[in-house]
Amino acid sequence: MAATLKDATAIVGIGQTAFAKRLPQSEKELACRAILAALADAGIDPGEVDAFSSYTMEETDEVEVAKAIGAGDVTFFSRIGYGGGGSCATVGHLAAAVATGQATVGVAWRSRKRGSGPRPWKNTAVQLPTPGQWTRPFGLLRPADEIGMLARRYMHEYGATRDHLFNVAMACRNRANENPAAMMYERPLTREMYMTSRMISDPLCLFDNCLETDGALACVIVSAERARDCRHKPVYVHSAAQGLPSQHHGMVNYWNDDPLSGPAWTAARHLWKQADFGPQDVDVAQIYDAFTPLIPLSLEGYGFCGRGEGAAFTEGGSLELGGRLPINTGGGGLSEAYVHGFNLINEGVKQLRGVSTAQVPDAATCLVTAGEGVPTSAILLRS
């Protein structure tokens, strides 16, 4: 039987900084604070860290982080591309490194000053990637424009409405209202507010878009054997997968034969193939929510409902606590913080430790996903 990563490693420490529109610290300082907090949470000395994983979009590199926190000799390091599509892959890469003996203590992190920093698409001096050369000169400048186009196609194909997108925004805001660390804590959302808010890229209004955040998060991965001796109940990495479909073109996937069949479908096939349980056994999910339409698309891709049924799945409080599939219980990127999805990883750990501010009773399994629409990744966690 082929070797798998199944339950061979566990997340034993999580850490984060404050989240805000503007923080005074540099991205490096925020990164180091989050990493040191995660190591303290695990009860592991920084000198034991020998592996790192982050995003290609991360501005703080391994060399500077390792020196600043006092890491030992580093024997594994990796970067994953495609922005939020890489979030869960950071954990997957470290799980593979630890499980195969390449390292013993891995740290994954993301630090970002997106709230106070520049918008990436404003840089006109950089040559556009090939797909962008066919879209941006014609007005699809921002990710919101690209996902807006996919959302309109989804509405046309399957009859989804803005009410379905509101269900997603509302579920995330409700959970943020319970989370003191969330940027939208104690800031309720109503249907009237949603329906009358300004359009960002039709059909996406203000509340269909993620927050702009300064902040950092990190987590610590060790072997399952060592995890039993750490400070907290281990949260095992049960399965991990990445997904890049054949002939995919990123969020501007409009000339593909099936533009609504995104990377989630590819990642999901591998994720469930390696797992001992299926979508019906997931107690809580942290689904990447840079934009509300990504939730119904991901619900379909990861097998919680059939093709075209993701919008209807959101009805009747299904995404709320007590619903069919509670999602984004810290508030997600829409209402807690947008740090390329890393807060979803840490929230998954909190749920399986039983310490979330919106705890799902007896949660034992959690799906965490990365960005849909771009080459993506996902992990299954279990307690």
Protein backbone atom coordinates (compact mmCIF):
# COMPACT_ATOMS: atom_id res chain seq x y z
CA MET A 1 0.00 0.00 0.00
CA ALA A 2 1.32 3.44 -0.90
CA ALA A 3 2.36 5.67 1.96
CA THR A 4 0.05 8.57 2.81
CA LEU A 5 0.16 11.60 5.08
CA LYS A 6 -2.93 10.38 6.92
CA ASP A 7 -2.72 11.48 10.59
CA ALA A 8 1.09 11.29 10.50
CA THR A 9 1.43 14.90 11.64
CA ALA A 10 -0.53 17.39 13.69
CA ILE A 11 -0.91 21.12 14.17
CA VAL A 12 0.13 21.81 17.75
CA GLY A 13 0.44 25.59 17.88
CA ILE A 14 -1.39 28.56 16.40
CA GLY A 15 -0.70 32.27 16.68
CA GLN A 16 -1.91 35.56 15.27
CA THR A 17 -1.52 39.29 15.63
CA ALA A 18 -4.30 41.82 15.91
CA PHE A 19 -6.24 42.49 12.70
CA ALA A 20 -6.89 46.04 11.55
CA LYS A 21 -7.13 48.29 8.53
CA ARG A 22 -3.79 49.78 9.53
CA LEU A 23 -1.14 48.41 11.91
CA PRO A 24 2.13 50.25 12.64
CA GLN A 25 4.41 47.18 12.61
CA SER A 26 6.24 45.98 9.49
CA GLU A 27 5.25 42.75 7.78
CA LYS A 28 8.42 41.13 9.14
CA GLU A 29 7.61 42.12 12.71
CA LEU A 30 4.02 40.92 12.34
CA ALA A 31 5.26 37.61 10.92
CA CYS A 32 7.69 37.07 13.77
CA ARG A 33 5.09 37.94 16.39
CA ALA A 34 2.61 35.45 14.96
CA ILE A 35 5.25 32.71 14.66
CA LEU A 36 6.54 33.21 18.20
CA ALA A 37 2.96 33.16 19.49
CA ALA A 38 2.33 29.86 17.68
CA LEU A 39 5.51 28.33 19.10
CA ALA A 40 4.61 29.50 22.60
CA ASP A 41 1.16 28.00 22.13
CA ALA A 42 2.81 24.69 21.25
CA GLY A 43 5.42 24.90 24.01
CA ILE A 44 8.26 24.55 21.50
CA ASP A 45 11.47 26.58 21.59
CA PRO A 46 12.20 28.61 18.44
CA GLY A 47 15.60 26.97 18.24
CA GLU A 48 13.92 23.67 17.35
CA VAL A 49 12.28 25.02 14.17
CA ASP A 50 13.86 23.42 11.11
CA ALA A 51 11.23 23.95 8.41
CA PHE A 52 9.24 26.84 6.97
CA SER A 53 6.49 27.22 4.40
CA SER A 54 4.69 30.30 3.14
CA TYR A 55 3.38 31.95 -0.03
CA THR A 56 5.28 33.24 -3.04
CA MET A 57 3.44 36.51 -2.38
CA GLU A 58 4.89 36.68 1.15
CA GLU A 59 7.25 39.66 1.46
CA THR A 60 9.09 38.25 4.50
CA ASP A 61 11.54 35.50 3.59
CA GLU A 62 12.75 32.44 5.49
CA VAL A 63 16.26 33.80 6.00
CA GLU A 64 15.08 36.90 7.83
CA VAL A 65 12.40 35.08 9.80
CA ALA A 66 14.77 32.29 10.87
CA LYS A 67 17.33 34.79 12.11
CA ALA A 68 14.79 36.95 13.87
CA ILE A 69 13.09 34.17 15.82
CA GLY A 70 16.31 32.27 16.58
CA ALA A 71 15.62 29.12 14.55
CA GLY A 72 18.18 26.37 14.29
CA ASP A 73 19.51 24.83 11.08
CA VAL A 74 16.69 24.78 8.55
CA THR A 75 16.42 21.63 6.42
CA PHE A 76 13.18 22.29 4.52
CA PHE A 77 11.54 25.42 3.13
CA SER A 78 8.92 25.99 0.45
CA ARG A 79 6.76 28.69 -1.11
CA ILE A 80 3.39 28.15 -2.77
CA GLY A 81 2.01 30.36 -5.52
CA TYR A 82 -1.35 31.78 -6.52
CA GLY A 83 -2.09 33.90 -3.47
CA GLY A 84 -4.87 32.46 -1.36
CA GLY A 85 -4.76 29.25 -3.36
CA GLY A 86 -1.61 28.34 -1.48
CA SER A 87 -2.88 28.65 2.09
CA CYS A 88 -3.59 25.01 2.91
CA ALA A 89 -0.64 23.84 0.82
CA THR A 90 1.72 25.43 3.35
CA VAL A 91 0.43 22.93 5.91
CA GLY A 92 0.46 20.10 3.38
CA HIS A 93 4.08 20.74 2.41
CA LEU A 94 5.21 20.79 6.03
CA ALA A 95 3.19 17.69 6.85
CA ALA A 96 4.96 15.88 4.01
CA ALA A 97 8.37 17.13 5.15
CA VAL A 98 7.84 16.06 8.76
CA ALA A 99 6.24 12.72 7.82
CA THR A 100 9.19 11.82 5.58
CA GLY A 101 11.90 12.89 8.01
CA GLN A 102 13.02 16.01 6.17
CA ALA A 103 12.23 18.12 9.24
CA THR A 104 10.87 17.85 12.78
CA VAL A 105 9.25 21.21 13.59
CA GLY A 106 7.61 23.14 10.78
CA VAL A 107 6.21 26.66 10.79
CA ALA A 108 3.73 27.94 8.21
CA TRP A 109 2.85 31.63 8.15
CA ARG A 110 1.36 34.53 6.27
CA SER A 111 1.98 38.20 7.05
CA ARG A 112 0.31 40.90 5.04
CA LYS A 113 -0.33 44.63 5.15
CA ARG A 114 -3.09 44.68 2.55
CA GLY A 115 -5.18 47.14 4.53
CA SER A 116 -2.61 49.93 4.61
CA GLY A 117 -0.57 48.77 1.62
CA PRO A 118 -1.04 49.25 -2.12
CA ARG A 119 -3.52 47.38 -4.27
CA PRO A 120 -1.50 44.90 -6.38
CA TRP A 121 -3.31 45.68 -9.65
CA LYS A 122 -2.28 49.35 -9.50
CA ASN A 123 1.28 48.51 -10.54
CA THR A 124 1.23 49.25 -14.27
CA ALA A 125 5.00 48.89 -14.67
CA VAL A 126 4.85 45.09 -14.39
CA GLN A 127 4.12 43.07 -17.51
CA LEU A 128 0.75 41.36 -17.28
CA PRO A 129 0.58 37.57 -17.02
CA THR A 130 -0.63 35.95 -20.22
CA PRO A 131 -4.30 35.53 -19.19
CA GLY A 132 -4.36 39.13 -17.95
CA GLN A 133 -3.25 40.41 -21.34
CA TRP A 134 -6.58 39.20 -22.73
CA THR A 135 -8.78 40.63 -19.97
CA ARG A 136 -7.34 43.61 -18.12
CA PRO A 137 -7.10 45.97 -21.10
CA PHE A 138 -10.84 45.38 -21.49
CA GLY A 139 -11.80 46.27 -17.91
CA LEU A 140 -11.31 43.14 -15.80
CA LEU A 141 -8.68 44.83 -13.64
CA ARG A 142 -9.27 43.34 -10.21
CA PRO A 143 -10.02 39.90 -8.78
CA ALA A 144 -13.51 41.24 -7.97
CA ASP A 145 -14.09 41.84 -11.68
CA GLU A 146 -12.96 38.35 -12.62
CA ILE A 147 -15.08 36.64 -9.96
CA GLY A 148 -17.97 38.95 -10.81
CA MET A 149 -17.91 37.53 -14.32
CA LEU A 150 -17.93 33.95 -13.01
CA ALA A 151 -20.74 34.83 -10.58
CA ARG A 152 -22.88 36.22 -13.39
CA ARG A 153 -22.30 33.05 -15.42
CA TYR A 154 -23.26 30.95 -12.38
CA MET A 155 -26.46 32.96 -11.91
CA HIS A 156 -27.33 32.53 -15.58
CA GLU A 157 -26.66 28.79 -15.60
CA TYR A 158 -28.28 27.79 -12.31
CA GLY A 159 -30.66 30.52 -11.24
CA ALA A 160 -28.66 31.75 -8.25
CA THR A 161 -29.63 35.17 -6.93
CA ARG A 162 -28.14 37.91 -4.79
CA ASP A 163 -30.18 36.50 -1.91
CA HIS A 164 -27.99 33.40 -2.04
CA LEU A 165 -24.84 35.53 -1.91
CA PHE A 166 -26.35 37.42 1.02
CA ASN A 167 -26.79 34.13 2.88
CA VAL A 168 -23.03 33.62 2.66
CA ALA A 169 -22.17 37.15 3.74
CA MET A 170 -24.65 36.95 6.62
CA ALA A 171 -23.33 33.63 7.95
CA CYS A 172 -19.77 34.96 8.04
CA ARG A 173 -20.83 38.26 9.63
CA ASN A 174 -22.86 36.48 12.30
CA ARG A 175 -19.82 34.47 13.34
CA ALA A 176 -17.60 37.57 13.34
CA ASN A 177 -20.09 39.26 15.64
CA GLU A 178 -19.21 36.56 18.18
CA ASN A 179 -15.44 36.86 17.71
CA PRO A 180 -13.73 39.75 19.57
CA ALA A 181 -10.66 39.40 17.32
CA ALA A 182 -12.68 39.95 14.14
CA MET A 183 -12.56 43.27 12.32
CA MET A 184 -16.37 43.14 12.05
CA TYR A 185 -16.97 42.26 15.70
CA GLU A 186 -20.13 43.95 16.99
CA ARG A 187 -20.89 45.29 13.49
CA PRO A 188 -24.06 43.46 12.41
CA LEU A 189 -25.20 43.11 8.82
CA THR A 190 -28.82 43.25 7.63
CA ARG A 191 -30.40 42.29 4.35
CA GLU A 192 -31.30 45.93 3.73
CA MET A 193 -27.68 47.00 4.27
CA TYR A 194 -26.55 44.32 1.85
CA MET A 195 -29.08 45.01 -0.88
CA THR A 196 -28.56 48.79 -0.82
CA SER A 197 -24.76 48.80 -0.58
CA ARG A 198 -22.69 50.05 -3.49
CA MET A 199 -21.71 47.74 -6.31
CA ILE A 200 -18.02 46.89 -6.57
CA SER A 201 -18.27 44.74 -9.69
CA ASP A 202 -21.80 43.74 -10.65
CA PRO A 203 -23.24 41.45 -9.30
CA LEU A 204 -20.79 41.77 -6.37
CA CYS A 205 -21.61 44.51 -3.87
CA LEU A 206 -19.45 45.80 -1.02
CA PHE A 207 -20.40 42.93 1.30
CA ASP A 208 -19.61 40.27 -1.29
CA ASN A 209 -15.95 41.29 -1.08
CA CYS A 210 -13.39 40.34 1.55
CA LEU A 211 -11.88 42.80 3.99
CA GLU A 212 -8.62 44.69 3.49
CA THR A 213 -6.45 43.72 6.44
CA ASP A 214 -3.10 44.22 8.13
CA GLY A 215 -2.14 41.18 10.20
CA ALA A 216 -0.29 37.87 10.40
CA LEU A 217 -0.95 34.27 11.42
CA ALA A 218 1.13 31.13 11.86
CA CYS A 219 0.86 27.50 12.87
CA VAL A 220 3.28 24.77 13.97
CA ILE A 221 3.35 21.22 12.59
CA VAL A 222 5.12 18.24 14.21
CA SER A 223 4.87 14.44 14.05
CA ALA A 224 1.81 12.77 15.55
CA GLU A 225 4.08 11.09 18.10
CA ARG A 226 5.55 14.36 19.33
CA ALA A 227 2.15 16.08 19.22
CA ARG A 228 0.95 13.95 22.10
CA ASP A 229 3.48 15.67 24.37
CA CYS A 230 2.64 19.25 23.37
CA ARG A 231 0.50 21.68 25.33
CA HIS A 232 -2.78 21.23 23.52
CA LYS A 233 -4.91 18.45 22.13
CA PRO A 234 -3.38 17.52 18.75
CA VAL A 235 -5.25 18.43 15.58
CA TYR A 236 -4.19 15.86 13.01
CA VAL A 237 -3.60 16.58 9.33
CA HIS A 238 -5.73 13.76 7.97
CA SER A 239 -5.46 14.57 4.26
CA ALA A 240 -3.96 17.29 2.09
CA ALA A 241 -4.26 18.08 -1.60
CA GLN A 242 -3.51 20.67 -4.26
CA GLY A 243 -5.43 21.15 -7.48
CA LEU A 244 -4.63 22.58 -10.92
CA PRO A 245 -7.11 21.36 -13.56
CA SER A 246 -6.09 20.54 -17.09
CA GLN A 247 -6.12 23.59 -19.37
CA HIS A 248 -6.93 25.93 -16.49
CA HIS A 249 -6.44 29.69 -16.87
CA GLY A 250 -6.92 31.03 -13.37
CA MET A 251 -9.86 33.23 -12.47
CA VAL A 252 -10.17 34.32 -16.10
CA ASN A 253 -11.23 30.82 -17.07
CA TYR A 254 -13.95 31.97 -19.44
CA TRP A 255 -12.79 30.21 -22.60
CA ASN A 256 -12.51 26.86 -20.88
CA ASP A 257 -15.20 24.36 -21.91
CA ASP A 258 -16.51 24.38 -18.35
CA PRO A 259 -15.51 27.62 -16.58
CA LEU A 260 -17.55 26.85 -13.44
CA SER A 261 -15.66 23.60 -12.79
CA GLY A 262 -12.71 25.10 -10.96
CA PRO A 263 -9.64 23.81 -9.13
CA ALA A 264 -11.74 22.74 -6.13
CA TRP A 265 -12.98 19.75 -8.11
CA THR A 266 -9.43 18.58 -8.83
CA ALA A 267 -8.21 19.10 -5.28
CA ALA A 268 -11.31 17.44 -3.83
CA ARG A 269 -10.87 14.21 -5.77
CA HIS A 270 -7.41 13.70 -4.33
CA LEU A 271 -8.36 14.95 -0.86
CA TRP A 272 -11.24 12.51 -0.39
CA LYS A 273 -9.34 9.65 -2.03
CA GLN A 274 -6.77 9.84 0.79
CA ALA A 275 -9.35 10.20 3.60
CA ASP A 276 -11.22 7.80 5.86
CA PHE A 277 -14.35 9.96 5.77
CA GLY A 278 -16.35 11.94 3.22
CA PRO A 279 -18.18 15.25 2.90
CA GLN A 280 -21.16 13.88 4.83
CA ASP A 281 -18.89 13.37 7.85
CA VAL A 282 -17.51 16.93 8.04
CA ASP A 283 -18.70 18.68 11.21
CA VAL A 284 -17.55 22.20 10.29
CA ALA A 285 -15.89 23.82 7.27
CA GLN A 286 -13.64 26.82 6.80
CA ILE A 287 -14.17 27.66 3.12
CA TYR A 288 -12.13 30.33 1.38
CA ASP A 289 -14.30 33.41 1.02
CA ALA A 290 -12.47 36.22 -0.71
CA PHE A 291 -15.82 36.66 -2.49
CA THR A 292 -19.23 35.23 -1.61
CA PRO A 293 -19.69 33.25 -4.89
CA LEU A 294 -16.67 31.12 -3.97
CA ILE A 295 -18.74 29.45 -1.27
CA PRO A 296 -21.43 27.84 -3.50
CA LEU A 297 -18.76 26.95 -6.06
CA SER A 298 -16.68 25.28 -3.35
CA LEU A 299 -19.65 23.50 -1.78
CA GLU A 300 -20.18 21.85 -5.16
CA GLY A 301 -16.52 21.19 -5.85
CA TYR A 302 -15.89 19.51 -2.49
CA GLY A 303 -18.97 17.32 -2.79
CA PHE A 304 -21.43 18.77 -0.28
CA CYS A 305 -24.07 19.10 -2.98
CA GLY A 306 -24.55 18.46 -6.67
CA ARG A 307 -23.56 20.60 -9.60
CA GLY A 308 -25.57 23.83 -9.63
CA GLU A 309 -26.96 23.18 -6.13
CA GLY A 310 -24.50 25.32 -4.16
CA ALA A 311 -26.73 28.39 -4.11
CA ALA A 312 -29.74 26.46 -2.83
CA PHE A 313 -27.52 24.82 -0.20
CA THR A 314 -27.12 28.22 1.46
CA GLU A 315 -30.87 28.52 2.12
CA GLY A 316 -32.63 27.94 5.44
CA GLY A 317 -29.64 28.78 7.64
CA SER A 318 -27.60 25.84 6.35
CA LEU A 319 -24.31 27.73 6.79
CA GLU A 320 -25.11 28.97 10.30
CA LEU A 321 -24.39 27.27 13.63
CA GLY A 322 -26.83 24.40 13.89
CA GLY A 323 -27.19 24.23 10.11
CA ARG A 324 -26.22 21.50 7.66
CA LEU A 325 -22.64 22.78 7.41
CA PRO A 326 -21.51 25.63 9.67
CA ILE A 327 -18.83 27.60 7.85
CA ASN A 328 -16.14 30.17 8.62
CA THR A 329 -16.87 30.21 12.32
CA GLY A 330 -14.41 33.01 13.08
CA GLY A 331 -15.94 35.24 10.40
CA GLY A 332 -13.71 34.26 7.49
CA GLY A 333 -12.14 36.63 5.00
CA LEU A 334 -15.43 38.46 4.62
CA SER A 335 -15.79 39.49 8.25
CA GLU A 336 -12.84 38.41 10.46
CA ALA A 337 -9.77 39.30 8.42
CA TYR A 338 -8.40 38.70 4.95
CA VAL A 339 -4.87 37.32 5.22
CA HIS A 340 -5.01 35.03 2.19
CA GLY A 341 -7.02 32.43 4.08
CA PHE A 342 -4.62 31.61 6.89
CA ASN A 343 -7.18 32.56 9.54
CA LEU A 344 -9.33 29.70 8.22
CA ILE A 345 -6.57 27.22 9.10
CA ASN A 346 -6.23 28.52 12.63
CA GLU A 347 -10.00 28.62 13.09
CA GLY A 348 -10.18 24.98 12.05
CA VAL A 349 -7.69 24.15 14.80
CA LYS A 350 -9.73 26.13 17.34
CA GLN A 351 -12.87 24.23 16.41
CA LEU A 352 -11.23 20.84 16.94
CA ARG A 353 -9.70 22.01 20.21
CA GLY A 354 -13.18 23.10 21.28
CA VAL A 355 -12.22 26.74 21.90
CA SER A 356 -13.81 28.65 19.01
CA THR A 357 -15.88 31.73 19.78
CA ALA A 358 -18.63 30.05 17.72
CA GLN A 359 -18.02 26.46 18.72
CA VAL A 360 -19.73 23.62 16.88
CA PRO A 361 -20.64 21.06 19.60
CA ASP A 362 -18.39 18.01 19.58
CA ALA A 363 -16.68 19.00 16.32
CA ALA A 364 -14.20 16.27 15.38
CA THR A 365 -13.64 16.85 11.64
CA CYS A 366 -13.01 20.03 9.68
CA LEU A 367 -12.44 20.85 6.03
CA VAL A 368 -10.27 23.89 5.30
CA THR A 369 -10.02 25.14 1.72
CA ALA A 370 -7.85 27.64 -0.11
CA GLY A 371 -8.85 30.03 -2.88
CA GLU A 372 -11.21 28.72 -5.53
CA GLY A 373 -10.74 30.02 -9.08
CA VAL A 374 -6.95 29.79 -8.86
CA PRO A 375 -4.70 26.73 -8.45
CA THR A 376 -5.77 25.69 -4.99
CA SER A 377 -5.27 23.44 -1.97
CA ALA A 378 -7.22 21.96 0.90
CA ILE A 379 -6.71 20.02 4.10
CA LEU A 380 -8.86 17.76 6.24
CA LEU A 381 -8.28 18.10 9.97
CA ARG A 382 -9.47 15.74 12.67
CA SER A 383 -9.17 15.59 16.43
